[in-house]
Amino acid sequence: MWLFKKASYQSDEEIIKAYKDTGNTALIGELFEKHVKTVYGACLFFFKDKAEAQDAVMQIFEKLIVELLKKEVLNFKGWLSYVVRNHCINIIRQNKTRFSYREGQYGFELEAPDEQEENYLSSLSNDELILKLPLFLNQLNEKQKECIELFFLKNKSYQEIAGSTGYTLNEVKSYIQNGKRNLKQIILDHKDTNAA
């Protein structure tokens, strides 16, 4: 692991500001240490291969050295999530023969999200989401709603949900993944309606 002399910055945004002011790449190393496990976990989800995931992590943090000098980033975690997803999706698209994704089941993961949408979703507080969740959930189909509630609100595992509902494990995964995608769209539609 890289070793850097750490400064006493309180937030990611302070580190980014200091990096823009000084150009000191050691500050990117500090961000790297804070977020490497999360980024690696996301990359591993996409590639299912440790070596591929490790390569992607290094490429992403190299990208940050350049991108953070050019971009105005107000919510680093949300923006980083956007960068990680797009980077992984682009690698998968360029190397379809190496990655055995079934687009029918995982196709939504290959749709690159819009940066403004990601920022809006990241800006919602947990309290706002919890207050609006019943309204949003009621717009999902029954199977998606049931699985989303059990997984996110009752902290049940895929196996536990399959056992209690009678759905297969693949059906549970599909209902949760498609439900999450639909929920995101419902929330964004709600934002647009309120803005109108």
N, C-alpha and C. Protein backbone atom coordinates (compact mmCIF):
# COMPACT_ATOMS: atom_id res chain seq x y z
N MET A 1 0.86 -1.20 0.00
CA MET A 1 0.00 0.00 0.00
C MET A 1 0.89 1.25 0.00
N TRP A 2 0.42 2.30 -0.60
CA TRP A 2 1.19 3.54 -0.68
C TRP A 2 1.26 4.20 0.69
N LEU A 3 2.37 4.87 0.94
CA LEU A 3 2.52 5.60 2.20
C LEU A 3 2.64 7.08 1.91
N PHE A 4 1.83 7.86 2.60
CA PHE A 4 1.84 9.31 2.41
C PHE A 4 1.83 9.98 3.77
N LYS A 5 2.48 11.12 3.85
CA LYS A 5 2.39 11.93 5.07
C LYS A 5 1.03 12.62 5.05
N LYS A 6 0.21 12.32 6.05
CA LYS A 6 -1.17 12.83 6.05
C LYS A 6 -1.27 14.20 6.70
N ALA A 7 -2.06 15.04 6.09
CA ALA A 7 -2.41 16.33 6.69
C ALA A 7 -3.70 16.12 7.47
N SER A 8 -4.12 17.14 8.19
CA SER A 8 -5.32 16.99 9.04
C SER A 8 -6.54 17.60 8.36
N TYR A 9 -6.96 17.00 7.25
CA TYR A 9 -8.15 17.48 6.55
C TYR A 9 -9.38 16.77 7.10
N GLN A 10 -10.45 17.52 7.27
CA GLN A 10 -11.66 16.95 7.85
C GLN A 10 -12.49 16.19 6.82
N SER A 11 -12.52 16.65 5.58
CA SER A 11 -13.42 16.05 4.60
C SER A 11 -12.70 15.83 3.28
N ASP A 12 -13.33 15.00 2.44
CA ASP A 12 -12.81 14.77 1.09
C ASP A 12 -12.72 16.08 0.32
N GLU A 13 -13.76 16.90 0.49
CA GLU A 13 -13.81 18.16 -0.24
C GLU A 13 -12.64 19.08 0.14
N GLU A 14 -12.22 19.06 1.42
CA GLU A 14 -11.05 19.85 1.85
C GLU A 14 -9.77 19.32 1.21
N ILE A 15 -9.68 17.98 1.11
CA ILE A 15 -8.51 17.38 0.46
C ILE A 15 -8.46 17.81 -1.00
N ILE A 16 -9.61 17.78 -1.66
CA ILE A 16 -9.68 18.15 -3.08
C ILE A 16 -9.29 19.62 -3.27
N LYS A 17 -9.80 20.50 -2.39
CA LYS A 17 -9.46 21.92 -2.47
C LYS A 17 -7.95 22.12 -2.31
N ALA A 18 -7.37 21.42 -1.32
CA ALA A 18 -5.92 21.52 -1.10
C ALA A 18 -5.16 21.00 -2.32
N TYR A 19 -5.66 19.93 -2.92
CA TYR A 19 -5.01 19.38 -4.12
C TYR A 19 -5.06 20.39 -5.27
N LYS A 20 -6.21 21.03 -5.45
CA LYS A 20 -6.33 22.03 -6.52
C LYS A 20 -5.41 23.22 -6.27
N ASP A 21 -5.28 23.59 -5.00
CA ASP A 21 -4.43 24.73 -4.64
C ASP A 21 -2.95 24.42 -4.81
N THR A 22 -2.55 23.18 -4.48
CA THR A 22 -1.11 22.86 -4.44
C THR A 22 -0.64 21.96 -5.57
N GLY A 23 -1.57 21.15 -6.13
CA GLY A 23 -1.16 20.16 -7.14
C GLY A 23 -0.40 18.99 -6.55
N ASN A 24 -0.41 18.88 -5.23
CA ASN A 24 0.32 17.81 -4.53
C ASN A 24 -0.42 16.49 -4.68
N THR A 25 0.12 15.57 -5.49
CA THR A 25 -0.56 14.30 -5.77
C THR A 25 -0.61 13.38 -4.54
N ALA A 26 0.19 13.67 -3.53
CA ALA A 26 0.11 12.89 -2.29
C ALA A 26 -1.28 13.01 -1.67
N LEU A 27 -1.97 14.11 -1.95
CA LEU A 27 -3.33 14.29 -1.44
C LEU A 27 -4.30 13.32 -2.11
N ILE A 28 -4.05 12.99 -3.37
CA ILE A 28 -4.86 11.97 -4.04
C ILE A 28 -4.60 10.63 -3.36
N GLY A 29 -3.37 10.43 -2.93
CA GLY A 29 -3.03 9.22 -2.17
C GLY A 29 -3.84 9.12 -0.88
N GLU A 30 -4.09 10.26 -0.26
CA GLU A 30 -4.91 10.28 0.95
C GLU A 30 -6.36 9.88 0.63
N LEU A 31 -6.89 10.42 -0.47
CA LEU A 31 -8.24 10.01 -0.91
C LEU A 31 -8.25 8.52 -1.24
N PHE A 32 -7.19 8.06 -1.88
CA PHE A 32 -7.06 6.65 -2.25
C PHE A 32 -7.18 5.77 -1.01
N GLU A 33 -6.42 6.10 0.02
CA GLU A 33 -6.46 5.29 1.25
C GLU A 33 -7.83 5.28 1.90
N LYS A 34 -8.53 6.40 1.84
CA LYS A 34 -9.87 6.49 2.45
C LYS A 34 -10.91 5.67 1.70
N HIS A 35 -10.77 5.59 0.37
CA HIS A 35 -11.85 5.03 -0.44
C HIS A 35 -11.48 3.76 -1.21
N VAL A 36 -10.26 3.27 -1.06
CA VAL A 36 -9.81 2.16 -1.88
C VAL A 36 -10.65 0.90 -1.68
N LYS A 37 -11.07 0.62 -0.45
CA LYS A 37 -11.87 -0.61 -0.21
C LYS A 37 -13.22 -0.54 -0.91
N THR A 38 -13.85 0.62 -0.84
CA THR A 38 -15.16 0.79 -1.49
C THR A 38 -15.02 0.68 -3.00
N VAL A 39 -14.01 1.34 -3.57
CA VAL A 39 -13.81 1.32 -5.02
C VAL A 39 -13.47 -0.10 -5.47
N TYR A 40 -12.60 -0.78 -4.71
CA TYR A 40 -12.23 -2.16 -5.05
C TYR A 40 -13.47 -3.07 -5.02
N GLY A 41 -14.31 -2.91 -3.99
CA GLY A 41 -15.53 -3.72 -3.88
C GLY A 41 -16.45 -3.51 -5.07
N ALA A 42 -16.60 -2.26 -5.51
CA ALA A 42 -17.45 -1.96 -6.66
C ALA A 42 -16.86 -2.57 -7.93
N CYS A 43 -15.55 -2.45 -8.10
CA CYS A 43 -14.90 -3.01 -9.29
C CYS A 43 -15.01 -4.54 -9.30
N LEU A 44 -14.86 -5.15 -8.13
CA LEU A 44 -14.98 -6.60 -8.03
C LEU A 44 -16.40 -7.05 -8.38
N PHE A 45 -17.39 -6.26 -8.00
CA PHE A 45 -18.78 -6.57 -8.37
C PHE A 45 -18.93 -6.63 -9.88
N PHE A 46 -18.33 -5.68 -10.59
CA PHE A 46 -18.46 -5.64 -12.04
C PHE A 46 -17.67 -6.73 -12.74
N PHE A 47 -16.44 -6.98 -12.29
CA PHE A 47 -15.56 -7.87 -13.04
C PHE A 47 -15.52 -9.30 -12.53
N LYS A 48 -15.86 -9.52 -11.27
CA LYS A 48 -15.81 -10.85 -10.66
C LYS A 48 -14.41 -11.46 -10.74
N ASP A 49 -13.40 -10.62 -10.83
CA ASP A 49 -12.02 -11.10 -10.96
C ASP A 49 -11.12 -10.12 -10.21
N LYS A 50 -10.35 -10.65 -9.26
CA LYS A 50 -9.54 -9.78 -8.40
C LYS A 50 -8.50 -8.97 -9.17
N ALA A 51 -7.82 -9.61 -10.12
CA ALA A 51 -6.78 -8.90 -10.87
C ALA A 51 -7.38 -7.78 -11.72
N GLU A 52 -8.50 -8.07 -12.39
CA GLU A 52 -9.18 -7.04 -13.19
C GLU A 52 -9.62 -5.88 -12.29
N ALA A 53 -10.16 -6.22 -11.12
CA ALA A 53 -10.64 -5.20 -10.19
C ALA A 53 -9.49 -4.33 -9.70
N GLN A 54 -8.35 -4.96 -9.37
CA GLN A 54 -7.19 -4.20 -8.89
C GLN A 54 -6.67 -3.26 -9.98
N ASP A 55 -6.62 -3.75 -11.22
CA ASP A 55 -6.18 -2.90 -12.33
C ASP A 55 -7.11 -1.69 -12.48
N ALA A 56 -8.41 -1.96 -12.40
CA ALA A 56 -9.39 -0.88 -12.56
C ALA A 56 -9.25 0.15 -11.45
N VAL A 57 -9.01 -0.30 -10.22
CA VAL A 57 -8.84 0.62 -9.08
C VAL A 57 -7.68 1.57 -9.36
N MET A 58 -6.56 1.03 -9.81
CA MET A 58 -5.40 1.88 -10.09
C MET A 58 -5.69 2.86 -11.22
N GLN A 59 -6.39 2.40 -12.26
CA GLN A 59 -6.73 3.29 -13.37
C GLN A 59 -7.66 4.41 -12.91
N ILE A 60 -8.60 4.08 -12.04
CA ILE A 60 -9.54 5.08 -11.54
C ILE A 60 -8.81 6.15 -10.73
N PHE A 61 -7.91 5.74 -9.85
CA PHE A 61 -7.20 6.74 -9.04
C PHE A 61 -6.20 7.55 -9.87
N GLU A 62 -5.67 6.96 -10.94
CA GLU A 62 -4.84 7.75 -11.86
C GLU A 62 -5.70 8.79 -12.57
N LYS A 63 -6.94 8.40 -12.90
CA LYS A 63 -7.88 9.31 -13.55
C LYS A 63 -8.22 10.49 -12.63
N LEU A 64 -8.32 10.22 -11.32
CA LEU A 64 -8.66 11.28 -10.37
C LEU A 64 -7.62 12.39 -10.36
N ILE A 65 -6.35 12.01 -10.55
CA ILE A 65 -5.26 13.00 -10.56
C ILE A 65 -5.54 14.10 -11.60
N VAL A 66 -6.06 13.69 -12.75
CA VAL A 66 -6.35 14.63 -13.84
C VAL A 66 -7.72 15.27 -13.65
N GLU A 67 -8.75 14.43 -13.41
CA GLU A 67 -10.14 14.92 -13.39
C GLU A 67 -10.41 15.91 -12.27
N LEU A 68 -9.82 15.70 -11.10
CA LEU A 68 -10.12 16.58 -9.96
C LEU A 68 -9.54 17.98 -10.14
N LEU A 69 -8.56 18.12 -11.02
CA LEU A 69 -8.04 19.46 -11.32
C LEU A 69 -8.99 20.23 -12.23
N LYS A 70 -9.79 19.48 -13.03
CA LYS A 70 -10.66 20.11 -14.03
C LYS A 70 -12.10 20.30 -13.53
N LYS A 71 -12.56 19.41 -12.66
CA LYS A 71 -13.98 19.39 -12.29
C LYS A 71 -14.23 20.09 -10.97
N GLU A 72 -15.45 20.62 -10.85
CA GLU A 72 -15.92 21.18 -9.57
C GLU A 72 -16.74 20.07 -8.91
N VAL A 73 -16.19 19.46 -7.88
CA VAL A 73 -16.84 18.32 -7.23
C VAL A 73 -17.36 18.76 -5.87
N LEU A 74 -18.70 18.74 -5.73
CA LEU A 74 -19.32 19.17 -4.47
C LEU A 74 -19.59 18.01 -3.54
N ASN A 75 -19.83 16.83 -4.11
CA ASN A 75 -20.10 15.64 -3.31
C ASN A 75 -19.18 14.54 -3.82
N PHE A 76 -18.02 14.37 -3.19
CA PHE A 76 -17.00 13.47 -3.72
C PHE A 76 -17.47 12.03 -3.78
N LYS A 77 -18.14 11.55 -2.73
CA LYS A 77 -18.56 10.14 -2.73
C LYS A 77 -19.53 9.85 -3.87
N GLY A 78 -20.49 10.73 -4.09
CA GLY A 78 -21.43 10.55 -5.19
C GLY A 78 -20.74 10.61 -6.53
N TRP A 79 -19.83 11.56 -6.69
CA TRP A 79 -19.10 11.72 -7.95
C TRP A 79 -18.19 10.51 -8.18
N LEU A 80 -17.52 10.03 -7.13
CA LEU A 80 -16.62 8.88 -7.26
C LEU A 80 -17.42 7.64 -7.68
N SER A 81 -18.59 7.47 -7.12
CA SER A 81 -19.46 6.36 -7.50
C SER A 81 -19.78 6.41 -8.99
N TYR A 82 -20.08 7.61 -9.48
CA TYR A 82 -20.35 7.83 -10.91
C TYR A 82 -19.12 7.47 -11.75
N VAL A 83 -17.94 7.91 -11.34
CA VAL A 83 -16.70 7.64 -12.08
C VAL A 83 -16.41 6.14 -12.11
N VAL A 84 -16.55 5.47 -10.96
CA VAL A 84 -16.26 4.04 -10.88
C VAL A 84 -17.19 3.25 -11.80
N ARG A 85 -18.48 3.53 -11.71
CA ARG A 85 -19.44 2.80 -12.56
C ARG A 85 -19.15 3.01 -14.03
N ASN A 86 -18.95 4.25 -14.43
CA ASN A 86 -18.69 4.51 -15.85
C ASN A 86 -17.40 3.87 -16.32
N HIS A 87 -16.37 3.90 -15.48
CA HIS A 87 -15.09 3.30 -15.86
C HIS A 87 -15.27 1.80 -16.08
N CYS A 88 -15.93 1.13 -15.14
CA CYS A 88 -16.13 -0.32 -15.24
C CYS A 88 -17.02 -0.67 -16.43
N ILE A 89 -18.08 0.09 -16.62
CA ILE A 89 -18.99 -0.15 -17.74
C ILE A 89 -18.25 0.00 -19.07
N ASN A 90 -17.41 1.02 -19.18
CA ASN A 90 -16.65 1.23 -20.41
C ASN A 90 -15.70 0.07 -20.69
N ILE A 91 -15.05 -0.44 -19.65
CA ILE A 91 -14.13 -1.58 -19.84
C ILE A 91 -14.93 -2.80 -20.30
N ILE A 92 -16.08 -3.04 -19.68
CA ILE A 92 -16.91 -4.19 -20.06
C ILE A 92 -17.38 -4.06 -21.50
N ARG A 93 -17.81 -2.88 -21.88
CA ARG A 93 -18.27 -2.67 -23.26
C ARG A 93 -17.15 -2.91 -24.28
N GLN A 94 -15.95 -2.46 -23.93
CA GLN A 94 -14.82 -2.60 -24.86
C GLN A 94 -14.32 -4.04 -24.95
N ASN A 95 -14.62 -4.84 -23.91
CA ASN A 95 -14.10 -6.21 -23.86
C ASN A 95 -15.21 -7.23 -23.62
N LYS A 96 -16.28 -7.10 -24.38
CA LYS A 96 -17.46 -7.95 -24.15
C LYS A 96 -17.12 -9.44 -24.17
N THR A 97 -16.15 -9.84 -24.97
CA THR A 97 -15.84 -11.27 -25.04
C THR A 97 -15.18 -11.78 -23.76
N ARG A 98 -14.52 -10.90 -23.02
CA ARG A 98 -13.86 -11.33 -21.78
C ARG A 98 -14.80 -11.39 -20.60
N PHE A 99 -15.90 -10.64 -20.64
CA PHE A 99 -16.81 -10.58 -19.51
C PHE A 99 -18.13 -11.23 -19.86
N SER A 100 -18.55 -12.18 -19.05
CA SER A 100 -19.74 -12.96 -19.38
C SER A 100 -20.97 -12.41 -18.67
N TYR A 101 -21.31 -11.15 -18.96
CA TYR A 101 -22.52 -10.56 -18.39
C TYR A 101 -23.70 -10.92 -19.26
N ARG A 102 -24.78 -11.36 -18.64
CA ARG A 102 -26.00 -11.64 -19.38
C ARG A 102 -26.82 -10.37 -19.38
N GLU A 103 -26.92 -9.72 -20.52
CA GLU A 103 -27.56 -8.41 -20.57
C GLU A 103 -29.01 -8.44 -20.14
N GLY A 104 -29.69 -9.59 -20.33
CA GLY A 104 -31.08 -9.68 -19.90
C GLY A 104 -31.24 -9.45 -18.41
N GLN A 105 -30.32 -10.02 -17.64
CA GLN A 105 -30.43 -9.90 -16.19
C GLN A 105 -29.70 -8.69 -15.64
N TYR A 106 -28.54 -8.39 -16.22
CA TYR A 106 -27.71 -7.33 -15.68
C TYR A 106 -27.63 -6.11 -16.58
N GLY A 107 -28.44 -6.07 -17.62
CA GLY A 107 -28.35 -5.01 -18.61
C GLY A 107 -28.40 -3.62 -18.03
N PHE A 108 -29.22 -3.42 -17.00
CA PHE A 108 -29.34 -2.08 -16.43
C PHE A 108 -28.03 -1.60 -15.84
N GLU A 109 -27.17 -2.53 -15.41
CA GLU A 109 -25.88 -2.14 -14.84
C GLU A 109 -24.97 -1.57 -15.93
N LEU A 110 -25.26 -1.89 -17.19
CA LEU A 110 -24.41 -1.42 -18.28
C LEU A 110 -24.87 -0.09 -18.83
N GLU A 111 -25.90 0.48 -18.23
CA GLU A 111 -26.35 1.80 -18.65
C GLU A 111 -25.63 2.84 -17.80
N ALA A 112 -24.80 3.64 -18.42
CA ALA A 112 -24.05 4.65 -17.66
C ALA A 112 -25.00 5.70 -17.11
N PRO A 113 -24.90 6.01 -15.82
CA PRO A 113 -25.80 7.00 -15.25
C PRO A 113 -25.39 8.41 -15.62
N ASP A 114 -26.34 9.29 -15.61
CA ASP A 114 -26.10 10.70 -15.86
C ASP A 114 -25.50 11.32 -14.59
N GLU A 115 -24.48 12.16 -14.75
CA GLU A 115 -23.78 12.74 -13.59
C GLU A 115 -24.72 13.60 -12.74
N GLN A 116 -25.61 14.37 -13.38
CA GLN A 116 -26.55 15.20 -12.61
C GLN A 116 -27.50 14.34 -11.79
N GLU A 117 -27.95 13.22 -12.39
CA GLU A 117 -28.83 12.31 -11.66
C GLU A 117 -28.12 11.74 -10.44
N GLU A 118 -26.87 11.31 -10.63
CA GLU A 118 -26.11 10.74 -9.51
C GLU A 118 -25.94 11.78 -8.40
N ASN A 119 -25.65 13.02 -8.79
CA ASN A 119 -25.48 14.07 -7.78
C ASN A 119 -26.77 14.32 -7.02
N TYR A 120 -27.90 14.33 -7.75
CA TYR A 120 -29.19 14.55 -7.08
C TYR A 120 -29.48 13.41 -6.10
N LEU A 121 -29.29 12.16 -6.55
CA LEU A 121 -29.58 11.02 -5.67
C LEU A 121 -28.67 11.02 -4.45
N SER A 122 -27.41 11.40 -4.65
CA SER A 122 -26.47 11.45 -3.52
C SER A 122 -26.81 12.58 -2.55
N SER A 123 -27.47 13.63 -3.07
CA SER A 123 -27.76 14.79 -2.22
C SER A 123 -28.97 14.58 -1.32
N LEU A 124 -29.79 13.57 -1.64
CA LEU A 124 -30.96 13.31 -0.81
C LEU A 124 -30.50 12.79 0.55
N SER A 125 -31.01 13.36 1.61
CA SER A 125 -30.65 12.88 2.94
C SER A 125 -31.41 11.60 3.24
N ASN A 126 -30.90 10.81 4.18
CA ASN A 126 -31.59 9.58 4.58
C ASN A 126 -32.99 9.89 5.09
N ASP A 127 -33.13 10.99 5.82
CA ASP A 127 -34.45 11.37 6.35
C ASP A 127 -35.45 11.62 5.22
N GLU A 128 -34.99 12.33 4.17
CA GLU A 128 -35.87 12.60 3.02
C GLU A 128 -36.30 11.30 2.36
N LEU A 129 -35.33 10.39 2.17
CA LEU A 129 -35.65 9.12 1.52
C LEU A 129 -36.61 8.29 2.36
N ILE A 130 -36.37 8.23 3.67
CA ILE A 130 -37.23 7.43 4.55
C ILE A 130 -38.65 7.98 4.55
N LEU A 131 -38.79 9.31 4.56
CA LEU A 131 -40.13 9.92 4.54
C LEU A 131 -40.87 9.62 3.24
N LYS A 132 -40.13 9.61 2.13
CA LYS A 132 -40.77 9.44 0.83
C LYS A 132 -40.82 7.98 0.38
N LEU A 133 -40.11 7.10 1.08
CA LEU A 133 -39.99 5.72 0.63
C LEU A 133 -41.32 5.01 0.44
N PRO A 134 -42.29 5.12 1.38
CA PRO A 134 -43.56 4.42 1.15
C PRO A 134 -44.23 4.86 -0.16
N LEU A 135 -44.20 6.15 -0.45
CA LEU A 135 -44.78 6.68 -1.69
C LEU A 135 -44.08 6.07 -2.91
N PHE A 136 -42.74 6.02 -2.86
CA PHE A 136 -41.98 5.48 -3.98
C PHE A 136 -42.18 3.98 -4.13
N LEU A 137 -42.11 3.24 -3.00
CA LEU A 137 -42.23 1.79 -3.04
C LEU A 137 -43.57 1.35 -3.61
N ASN A 138 -44.64 2.08 -3.29
CA ASN A 138 -45.97 1.70 -3.76
C ASN A 138 -46.11 1.78 -5.27
N GLN A 139 -45.13 2.41 -5.94
CA GLN A 139 -45.18 2.50 -7.39
C GLN A 139 -44.46 1.34 -8.08
N LEU A 140 -43.80 0.49 -7.28
CA LEU A 140 -43.14 -0.70 -7.83
C LEU A 140 -44.17 -1.82 -7.97
N ASN A 141 -43.85 -2.83 -8.80
CA ASN A 141 -44.75 -3.99 -8.83
C ASN A 141 -44.59 -4.76 -7.52
N GLU A 142 -45.54 -5.62 -7.21
CA GLU A 142 -45.61 -6.27 -5.88
C GLU A 142 -44.36 -7.07 -5.55
N LYS A 143 -43.83 -7.81 -6.52
CA LYS A 143 -42.67 -8.67 -6.25
C LYS A 143 -41.43 -7.83 -5.96
N GLN A 144 -41.24 -6.77 -6.75
CA GLN A 144 -40.10 -5.87 -6.51
C GLN A 144 -40.24 -5.19 -5.16
N LYS A 145 -41.43 -4.69 -4.88
CA LYS A 145 -41.69 -3.99 -3.62
C LYS A 145 -41.39 -4.91 -2.43
N GLU A 146 -41.90 -6.13 -2.50
CA GLU A 146 -41.72 -7.09 -1.41
C GLU A 146 -40.23 -7.37 -1.17
N CYS A 147 -39.49 -7.64 -2.24
CA CYS A 147 -38.07 -7.97 -2.10
C CYS A 147 -37.25 -6.76 -1.64
N ILE A 148 -37.55 -5.58 -2.16
CA ILE A 148 -36.84 -4.36 -1.75
C ILE A 148 -37.07 -4.10 -0.26
N GLU A 149 -38.32 -4.22 0.19
CA GLU A 149 -38.63 -3.99 1.61
C GLU A 149 -37.88 -4.97 2.50
N LEU A 150 -37.90 -6.25 2.13
CA LEU A 150 -37.23 -7.27 2.94
C LEU A 150 -35.71 -7.05 2.97
N PHE A 151 -35.15 -6.70 1.82
CA PHE A 151 -33.70 -6.56 1.71
C PHE A 151 -33.20 -5.29 2.40
N PHE A 152 -33.80 -4.14 2.07
CA PHE A 152 -33.29 -2.86 2.55
C PHE A 152 -33.87 -2.44 3.90
N LEU A 153 -35.14 -2.71 4.12
CA LEU A 153 -35.77 -2.23 5.36
C LEU A 153 -35.70 -3.25 6.48
N LYS A 154 -35.66 -4.54 6.12
CA LYS A 154 -35.62 -5.58 7.17
C LYS A 154 -34.30 -6.32 7.20
N ASN A 155 -33.35 -5.88 6.37
CA ASN A 155 -31.99 -6.43 6.35
C ASN A 155 -31.92 -7.94 6.16
N LYS A 156 -32.81 -8.47 5.33
CA LYS A 156 -32.80 -9.90 5.03
C LYS A 156 -31.82 -10.17 3.90
N SER A 157 -31.19 -11.36 3.93
CA SER A 157 -30.27 -11.75 2.85
C SER A 157 -31.08 -12.28 1.68
N TYR A 158 -30.41 -12.44 0.53
CA TYR A 158 -31.07 -13.02 -0.64
C TYR A 158 -31.67 -14.39 -0.30
N GLN A 159 -30.86 -15.20 0.42
CA GLN A 159 -31.30 -16.56 0.78
C GLN A 159 -32.54 -16.51 1.69
N GLU A 160 -32.53 -15.61 2.66
CA GLU A 160 -33.67 -15.49 3.57
C GLU A 160 -34.93 -15.06 2.81
N ILE A 161 -34.76 -14.13 1.88
CA ILE A 161 -35.91 -13.66 1.09
C ILE A 161 -36.46 -14.80 0.23
N ALA A 162 -35.55 -15.54 -0.40
CA ALA A 162 -35.98 -16.68 -1.23
C ALA A 162 -36.75 -17.68 -0.37
N GLY A 163 -36.23 -17.95 0.83
CA GLY A 163 -36.89 -18.90 1.73
C GLY A 163 -38.27 -18.46 2.18
N SER A 164 -38.43 -17.17 2.46
CA SER A 164 -39.72 -16.70 2.99
C SER A 164 -40.76 -16.39 1.90
N THR A 165 -40.30 -16.14 0.66
CA THR A 165 -41.24 -15.77 -0.40
C THR A 165 -41.54 -16.90 -1.37
N GLY A 166 -40.63 -17.86 -1.45
CA GLY A 166 -40.80 -18.94 -2.43
C GLY A 166 -40.19 -18.62 -3.78
N TYR A 167 -39.63 -17.41 -3.94
CA TYR A 167 -38.96 -17.06 -5.19
C TYR A 167 -37.61 -17.77 -5.23
N THR A 168 -37.09 -18.01 -6.44
CA THR A 168 -35.74 -18.56 -6.56
C THR A 168 -34.73 -17.46 -6.21
N LEU A 169 -33.50 -17.88 -5.95
CA LEU A 169 -32.44 -16.91 -5.63
C LEU A 169 -32.24 -15.93 -6.79
N ASN A 170 -32.25 -16.43 -8.02
CA ASN A 170 -32.08 -15.54 -9.19
C ASN A 170 -33.25 -14.57 -9.33
N GLU A 171 -34.46 -15.03 -9.01
CA GLU A 171 -35.62 -14.13 -9.07
C GLU A 171 -35.49 -13.02 -8.04
N VAL A 172 -35.06 -13.39 -6.82
CA VAL A 172 -34.88 -12.39 -5.76
C VAL A 172 -33.87 -11.34 -6.20
N LYS A 173 -32.73 -11.78 -6.73
CA LYS A 173 -31.69 -10.85 -7.19
C LYS A 173 -32.25 -9.94 -8.29
N SER A 174 -32.98 -10.53 -9.21
CA SER A 174 -33.54 -9.77 -10.32
C SER A 174 -34.56 -8.75 -9.83
N TYR A 175 -35.46 -9.16 -8.91
CA TYR A 175 -36.47 -8.23 -8.38
C TYR A 175 -35.82 -7.06 -7.64
N ILE A 176 -34.76 -7.35 -6.88
CA ILE A 176 -34.08 -6.29 -6.13
C ILE A 176 -33.34 -5.36 -7.09
N GLN A 177 -32.63 -5.92 -8.06
CA GLN A 177 -31.86 -5.09 -8.98
C GLN A 177 -32.78 -4.24 -9.86
N ASN A 178 -33.82 -4.86 -10.39
CA ASN A 178 -34.75 -4.10 -11.23
C ASN A 178 -35.55 -3.12 -10.39
N GLY A 179 -35.89 -3.51 -9.16
CA GLY A 179 -36.60 -2.61 -8.25
C GLY A 179 -35.77 -1.39 -7.93
N LYS A 180 -34.46 -1.58 -7.70
CA LYS A 180 -33.57 -0.45 -7.42
C LYS A 180 -33.52 0.49 -8.62
N ARG A 181 -33.42 -0.07 -9.82
CA ARG A 181 -33.39 0.76 -11.03
C ARG A 181 -34.69 1.54 -11.18
N ASN A 182 -35.82 0.86 -10.97
CA ASN A 182 -37.12 1.51 -11.10
C ASN A 182 -37.31 2.57 -10.02
N LEU A 183 -36.85 2.27 -8.81
CA LEU A 183 -36.96 3.21 -7.69
C LEU A 183 -36.18 4.48 -8.00
N LYS A 184 -34.99 4.30 -8.56
CA LYS A 184 -34.17 5.46 -8.93
C LYS A 184 -34.93 6.35 -9.92
N GLN A 185 -35.56 5.70 -10.93
CA GLN A 185 -36.29 6.46 -11.94
C GLN A 185 -37.50 7.16 -11.32
N ILE A 186 -38.19 6.48 -10.40
CA ILE A 186 -39.36 7.06 -9.73
C ILE A 186 -38.94 8.31 -8.94
N ILE A 187 -37.82 8.20 -8.23
CA ILE A 187 -37.32 9.32 -7.43
C ILE A 187 -36.96 10.50 -8.34
N LEU A 188 -36.29 10.20 -9.45
CA LEU A 188 -35.90 11.27 -10.39
C LEU A 188 -37.13 11.90 -11.04
N ASP A 189 -38.14 11.08 -11.37
CA ASP A 189 -39.38 11.62 -11.94
C ASP A 189 -40.08 12.52 -10.93
N HIS A 190 -40.04 12.11 -9.67
CA HIS A 190 -40.65 12.89 -8.58
C HIS A 190 -39.96 14.25 -8.47
N LYS A 191 -38.63 14.23 -8.59
CA LYS A 191 -37.84 15.49 -8.53
C LYS A 191 -38.25 16.41 -9.68
N ASP A 192 -38.37 15.84 -10.90
CA ASP A 192 -38.73 16.65 -12.07
C ASP A 192 -40.15 17.23 -11.93
N THR A 193 -41.08 16.43 -11.40
CA THR A 193 -42.47 16.88 -11.21
C THR A 193 -42.52 18.04 -10.22
N ASN A 194 -41.75 17.92 -9.13
CA ASN A 194 -41.71 18.98 -8.11
C ASN A 194 -41.05 20.24 -8.62
N ALA A 195 -40.09 20.08 -9.55
CA ALA A 195 -39.38 21.24 -10.08
C ALA A 195 -40.23 22.00 -11.09
N ALA A 196 -41.20 21.28 -11.70
CA ALA A 196 -42.03 21.90 -12.75
C ALA A 196 -42.99 22.92 -12.19
